[in-house]
Amino acid sequence: MKIGPVGTVPLLLLGAIGGAAAQASAHPLDVIRRRMQMQSMNSGSSPTKENVSSKKYSNMFTGLHHVATTEGVHVLFNGLGPACFEKIPSTAIGYFIYAFLKVQLKISSV
């Protein structure tokens, strides 16, 4: 099936590439977000002065810096494979459906 100036396969490939790039660029932030959530769960229900001062990551930037310097940059990309396994197909299909509906509804890009 040909949709617009390109076919189905190129649209799916473009969506897959976009999904992989988005996941790879956002994954380090996701790792730090999860670590910050886990540290707040492990610190107890009431934030006392000792718990607040012993926090490992106070914000995203200090978390990125701390992990990169102490554990290595590669740790920020642990789990990227399974995350891409979920993200790439869904983004590819979403991009294809978007392009297909644009053609069917005769909507032009601005």
N, C-alpha and C. Protein backbone atom coordinates (compact mmCIF):
# COMPACT_ATOMS: atom_id res chain seq x y z
N MET A 1 0.85 -1.17 0.00
CA MET A 1 0.00 0.00 0.00
C MET A 1 0.89 1.24 0.00
N LYS A 2 0.55 2.17 -0.83
CA LYS A 2 1.32 3.40 -0.92
C LYS A 2 0.51 4.53 -0.28
N ILE A 3 1.15 5.21 0.65
CA ILE A 3 0.49 6.32 1.34
C ILE A 3 1.25 7.59 1.02
N GLY A 4 0.59 8.48 0.30
CA GLY A 4 1.26 9.73 -0.08
C GLY A 4 2.45 9.45 -0.96
N PRO A 5 3.52 10.21 -0.78
CA PRO A 5 4.70 10.03 -1.64
C PRO A 5 5.56 8.83 -1.27
N VAL A 6 5.33 8.22 -0.10
CA VAL A 6 6.13 7.06 0.32
C VAL A 6 5.21 5.89 0.62
N GLY A 7 5.78 4.72 0.75
CA GLY A 7 5.01 3.52 1.03
C GLY A 7 4.90 3.22 2.51
N THR A 8 4.33 2.06 2.80
CA THR A 8 4.10 1.63 4.17
C THR A 8 5.40 1.36 4.91
N VAL A 9 6.30 0.62 4.28
CA VAL A 9 7.55 0.24 4.96
C VAL A 9 8.39 1.45 5.34
N PRO A 10 8.58 2.43 4.42
CA PRO A 10 9.35 3.61 4.85
C PRO A 10 8.70 4.37 6.01
N LEU A 11 7.37 4.45 6.02
CA LEU A 11 6.70 5.13 7.13
C LEU A 11 6.91 4.38 8.45
N LEU A 12 6.81 3.06 8.40
CA LEU A 12 7.05 2.27 9.61
C LEU A 12 8.49 2.40 10.07
N LEU A 13 9.44 2.41 9.13
CA LEU A 13 10.86 2.56 9.50
C LEU A 13 11.13 3.93 10.11
N LEU A 14 10.53 4.97 9.52
CA LEU A 14 10.73 6.32 10.07
C LEU A 14 10.15 6.41 11.49
N GLY A 15 8.99 5.83 11.70
CA GLY A 15 8.41 5.83 13.04
C GLY A 15 9.26 5.04 14.02
N ALA A 16 9.82 3.92 13.56
CA ALA A 16 10.66 3.10 14.43
C ALA A 16 11.94 3.84 14.81
N ILE A 17 12.54 4.51 13.84
CA ILE A 17 13.77 5.27 14.11
C ILE A 17 13.48 6.41 15.08
N GLY A 18 12.36 7.08 14.88
CA GLY A 18 11.98 8.16 15.79
C GLY A 18 11.72 7.66 17.20
N GLY A 19 11.06 6.50 17.31
CA GLY A 19 10.81 5.91 18.62
C GLY A 19 12.09 5.50 19.33
N ALA A 20 13.02 4.92 18.56
CA ALA A 20 14.30 4.51 19.16
C ALA A 20 15.10 5.72 19.63
N ALA A 21 15.12 6.78 18.82
CA ALA A 21 15.85 7.99 19.20
C ALA A 21 15.22 8.64 20.44
N ALA A 22 13.91 8.68 20.47
CA ALA A 22 13.24 9.28 21.63
C ALA A 22 13.50 8.48 22.90
N GLN A 23 13.44 7.16 22.79
CA GLN A 23 13.66 6.32 23.96
C GLN A 23 15.10 6.42 24.44
N ALA A 24 16.05 6.42 23.50
CA ALA A 24 17.46 6.48 23.88
C ALA A 24 17.81 7.82 24.53
N SER A 25 17.17 8.89 24.09
CA SER A 25 17.50 10.20 24.68
C SER A 25 16.81 10.40 26.02
N ALA A 26 15.65 9.78 26.24
CA ALA A 26 14.92 9.98 27.49
C ALA A 26 15.24 8.92 28.54
N HIS A 27 15.88 7.83 28.16
CA HIS A 27 16.11 6.73 29.08
C HIS A 27 16.97 7.11 30.30
N PRO A 28 18.06 7.86 30.14
CA PRO A 28 18.83 8.25 31.34
C PRO A 28 17.99 9.03 32.35
N LEU A 29 17.11 9.88 31.87
CA LEU A 29 16.24 10.64 32.77
C LEU A 29 15.26 9.71 33.48
N ASP A 30 14.80 8.71 32.76
CA ASP A 30 13.90 7.73 33.34
C ASP A 30 14.58 6.92 34.45
N VAL A 31 15.84 6.57 34.24
CA VAL A 31 16.59 5.82 35.25
C VAL A 31 16.71 6.64 36.54
N ILE A 32 17.05 7.90 36.40
CA ILE A 32 17.19 8.76 37.59
C ILE A 32 15.84 8.99 38.25
N ARG A 33 14.80 9.15 37.46
CA ARG A 33 13.46 9.34 38.03
C ARG A 33 13.07 8.13 38.89
N ARG A 34 13.31 6.94 38.37
CA ARG A 34 12.98 5.74 39.13
C ARG A 34 13.82 5.64 40.40
N ARG A 35 15.08 5.98 40.32
CA ARG A 35 15.94 5.94 41.52
C ARG A 35 15.47 6.95 42.56
N MET A 36 15.06 8.14 42.10
CA MET A 36 14.57 9.14 43.04
C MET A 36 13.27 8.68 43.69
N GLN A 37 12.41 8.01 42.92
CA GLN A 37 11.17 7.48 43.50
C GLN A 37 11.47 6.40 44.53
N MET A 38 12.41 5.54 44.23
CA MET A 38 12.76 4.47 45.15
C MET A 38 13.41 5.01 46.42
N GLN A 39 14.24 6.05 46.30
CA GLN A 39 14.88 6.59 47.50
C GLN A 39 13.84 7.25 48.39
N SER A 40 12.82 7.87 47.81
CA SER A 40 11.79 8.48 48.65
C SER A 40 10.92 7.41 49.31
N MET A 41 10.74 6.26 48.66
CA MET A 41 9.98 5.16 49.27
C MET A 41 10.79 4.52 50.40
N ASN A 42 12.09 4.43 50.23
CA ASN A 42 12.95 3.79 51.22
C ASN A 42 13.26 4.69 52.41
N SER A 43 13.05 5.99 52.27
CA SER A 43 13.42 6.90 53.35
C SER A 43 12.38 6.95 54.47
N GLY A 44 11.26 6.29 54.31
CA GLY A 44 10.23 6.28 55.36
C GLY A 44 9.09 7.20 54.98
N SER A 45 8.05 7.14 55.77
CA SER A 45 6.85 7.91 55.44
C SER A 45 6.95 9.36 55.88
N SER A 46 7.69 9.66 56.93
CA SER A 46 7.80 11.04 57.40
C SER A 46 9.19 11.58 57.08
N PRO A 47 9.26 12.68 56.32
CA PRO A 47 10.58 13.23 55.99
C PRO A 47 11.18 14.00 57.15
N THR A 48 12.02 13.34 57.92
CA THR A 48 12.70 14.01 59.03
C THR A 48 13.94 14.71 58.52
N LYS A 49 14.57 15.47 59.39
CA LYS A 49 15.77 16.22 58.99
C LYS A 49 16.89 15.27 58.57
N GLU A 50 17.00 14.12 59.23
CA GLU A 50 18.06 13.17 58.87
C GLU A 50 17.80 12.56 57.50
N ASN A 51 16.54 12.24 57.21
CA ASN A 51 16.20 11.64 55.92
C ASN A 51 16.45 12.61 54.77
N VAL A 52 16.10 13.87 54.97
CA VAL A 52 16.27 14.86 53.92
C VAL A 52 17.74 15.10 53.64
N SER A 53 18.57 15.17 54.69
CA SER A 53 19.98 15.45 54.49
C SER A 53 20.73 14.25 53.92
N SER A 54 20.22 13.02 54.12
CA SER A 54 20.91 11.84 53.63
C SER A 54 20.43 11.41 52.24
N LYS A 55 19.61 12.21 51.59
CA LYS A 55 19.14 11.86 50.26
C LYS A 55 20.30 11.78 49.29
N LYS A 56 20.26 10.78 48.45
CA LYS A 56 21.33 10.57 47.49
C LYS A 56 21.22 11.56 46.33
N TYR A 57 19.99 11.75 45.83
CA TYR A 57 19.76 12.65 44.70
C TYR A 57 18.75 13.70 45.13
N SER A 58 19.13 14.95 45.06
CA SER A 58 18.18 16.00 45.42
C SER A 58 17.40 16.50 44.21
N ASN A 59 17.99 16.34 43.01
CA ASN A 59 17.28 16.70 41.79
C ASN A 59 17.85 15.88 40.62
N MET A 60 17.28 16.06 39.45
CA MET A 60 17.66 15.28 38.29
C MET A 60 19.12 15.49 37.90
N PHE A 61 19.58 16.72 37.94
CA PHE A 61 20.96 17.02 37.52
C PHE A 61 21.99 16.41 38.46
N THR A 62 21.76 16.51 39.77
CA THR A 62 22.71 15.89 40.69
C THR A 62 22.67 14.37 40.57
N GLY A 63 21.49 13.82 40.28
CA GLY A 63 21.37 12.38 40.07
C GLY A 63 22.15 11.93 38.85
N LEU A 64 22.01 12.65 37.74
CA LEU A 64 22.76 12.32 36.52
C LEU A 64 24.26 12.42 36.76
N HIS A 65 24.67 13.49 37.43
CA HIS A 65 26.10 13.68 37.70
C HIS A 65 26.64 12.60 38.63
N HIS A 66 25.91 12.29 39.68
CA HIS A 66 26.36 11.30 40.65
C HIS A 66 26.49 9.92 40.01
N VAL A 67 25.50 9.51 39.26
CA VAL A 67 25.55 8.18 38.62
C VAL A 67 26.66 8.13 37.58
N ALA A 68 26.80 9.18 36.78
CA ALA A 68 27.82 9.19 35.73
C ALA A 68 29.23 9.16 36.32
N THR A 69 29.45 9.84 37.44
CA THR A 69 30.81 9.89 38.00
C THR A 69 31.13 8.67 38.87
N THR A 70 30.14 8.16 39.61
CA THR A 70 30.44 7.05 40.51
C THR A 70 30.26 5.68 39.87
N GLU A 71 29.23 5.51 39.05
CA GLU A 71 28.94 4.19 38.48
C GLU A 71 29.28 4.10 37.00
N GLY A 72 29.41 5.21 36.33
CA GLY A 72 29.71 5.22 34.91
C GLY A 72 28.48 5.59 34.09
N VAL A 73 28.74 6.18 32.93
CA VAL A 73 27.65 6.64 32.07
C VAL A 73 26.83 5.46 31.54
N HIS A 74 27.48 4.32 31.34
CA HIS A 74 26.77 3.16 30.80
C HIS A 74 25.61 2.70 31.68
N VAL A 75 25.68 2.99 32.97
CA VAL A 75 24.61 2.58 33.89
C VAL A 75 23.32 3.31 33.56
N LEU A 76 23.41 4.52 33.03
CA LEU A 76 22.22 5.29 32.67
C LEU A 76 21.44 4.63 31.53
N PHE A 77 22.10 3.74 30.80
CA PHE A 77 21.44 3.08 29.67
C PHE A 77 21.10 1.62 29.95
N ASN A 78 21.25 1.19 31.20
CA ASN A 78 20.83 -0.17 31.55
C ASN A 78 19.32 -0.29 31.36
N GLY A 79 18.91 -1.34 30.70
CA GLY A 79 17.48 -1.56 30.46
C GLY A 79 16.96 -0.88 29.22
N LEU A 80 17.83 -0.32 28.40
CA LEU A 80 17.38 0.37 27.19
C LEU A 80 16.79 -0.61 26.18
N GLY A 81 17.35 -1.81 26.09
CA GLY A 81 16.86 -2.80 25.13
C GLY A 81 15.39 -3.15 25.34
N PRO A 82 15.00 -3.56 26.54
CA PRO A 82 13.58 -3.86 26.77
C PRO A 82 12.68 -2.63 26.59
N ALA A 83 13.17 -1.46 26.95
CA ALA A 83 12.37 -0.25 26.77
C ALA A 83 12.14 0.03 25.29
N CYS A 84 13.17 -0.17 24.47
CA CYS A 84 13.03 0.01 23.02
C CYS A 84 12.13 -1.06 22.43
N PHE A 85 12.19 -2.25 22.98
CA PHE A 85 11.34 -3.35 22.51
C PHE A 85 9.87 -2.98 22.62
N GLU A 86 9.52 -2.19 23.62
CA GLU A 86 8.15 -1.73 23.79
C GLU A 86 7.87 -0.47 22.97
N LYS A 87 8.81 0.45 22.93
CA LYS A 87 8.57 1.76 22.35
C LYS A 87 8.60 1.77 20.82
N ILE A 88 9.52 1.06 20.21
CA ILE A 88 9.71 1.12 18.75
C ILE A 88 8.46 0.68 17.98
N PRO A 89 7.88 -0.48 18.27
CA PRO A 89 6.68 -0.85 17.50
C PRO A 89 5.51 0.11 17.69
N SER A 90 5.30 0.56 18.91
CA SER A 90 4.15 1.44 19.14
C SER A 90 4.33 2.78 18.45
N THR A 91 5.54 3.31 18.43
CA THR A 91 5.78 4.58 17.74
C THR A 91 5.68 4.41 16.23
N ALA A 92 6.18 3.30 15.71
CA ALA A 92 6.11 3.04 14.27
C ALA A 92 4.65 2.94 13.82
N ILE A 93 3.85 2.21 14.57
CA ILE A 93 2.44 2.06 14.20
C ILE A 93 1.70 3.39 14.35
N GLY A 94 2.00 4.12 15.40
CA GLY A 94 1.36 5.43 15.59
C GLY A 94 1.69 6.40 14.47
N TYR A 95 2.95 6.40 14.03
CA TYR A 95 3.35 7.29 12.95
C TYR A 95 2.68 6.88 11.64
N PHE A 96 2.58 5.59 11.40
CA PHE A 96 1.92 5.10 10.19
C PHE A 96 0.45 5.51 10.18
N ILE A 97 -0.24 5.32 11.30
CA ILE A 97 -1.66 5.67 11.39
C ILE A 97 -1.85 7.17 11.19
N TYR A 98 -0.97 7.97 11.77
CA TYR A 98 -1.04 9.42 11.60
C TYR A 98 -0.92 9.80 10.12
N ALA A 99 0.07 9.24 9.42
CA ALA A 99 0.26 9.56 8.00
C ALA A 99 -0.90 9.03 7.16
N PHE A 100 -1.39 7.84 7.49
CA PHE A 100 -2.51 7.25 6.76
C PHE A 100 -3.76 8.13 6.89
N LEU A 101 -4.07 8.57 8.09
CA LEU A 101 -5.26 9.40 8.30
C LEU A 101 -5.11 10.77 7.67
N LYS A 102 -3.89 11.30 7.64
CA LYS A 102 -3.68 12.58 6.94
C LYS A 102 -4.04 12.46 5.47
N VAL A 103 -3.64 11.36 4.85
CA VAL A 103 -3.94 11.15 3.43
C VAL A 103 -5.43 10.92 3.24
N GLN A 104 -6.03 10.07 4.06
CA GLN A 104 -7.45 9.74 3.92
C GLN A 104 -8.35 10.93 4.16
N LEU A 105 -7.98 11.78 5.11
CA LEU A 105 -8.79 12.96 5.42
C LEU A 105 -8.39 14.19 4.61
N LYS A 106 -7.41 13.99 3.74
CA LYS A 106 -6.91 15.07 2.86
C LYS A 106 -6.49 16.31 3.65
N ILE A 107 -5.68 16.07 4.68
CA ILE A 107 -5.17 17.14 5.51
C ILE A 107 -3.72 17.39 5.10
N SER A 108 -3.40 18.62 4.80
CA SER A 108 -2.01 18.93 4.41
C SER A 108 -1.26 19.50 5.61
N SER A 109 0.04 19.30 5.59
CA SER A 109 0.87 19.84 6.66
C SER A 109 1.00 21.34 6.51
N VAL A 110 1.20 21.98 7.63
CA VAL A 110 1.34 23.44 7.62
C VAL A 110 2.76 23.82 7.32
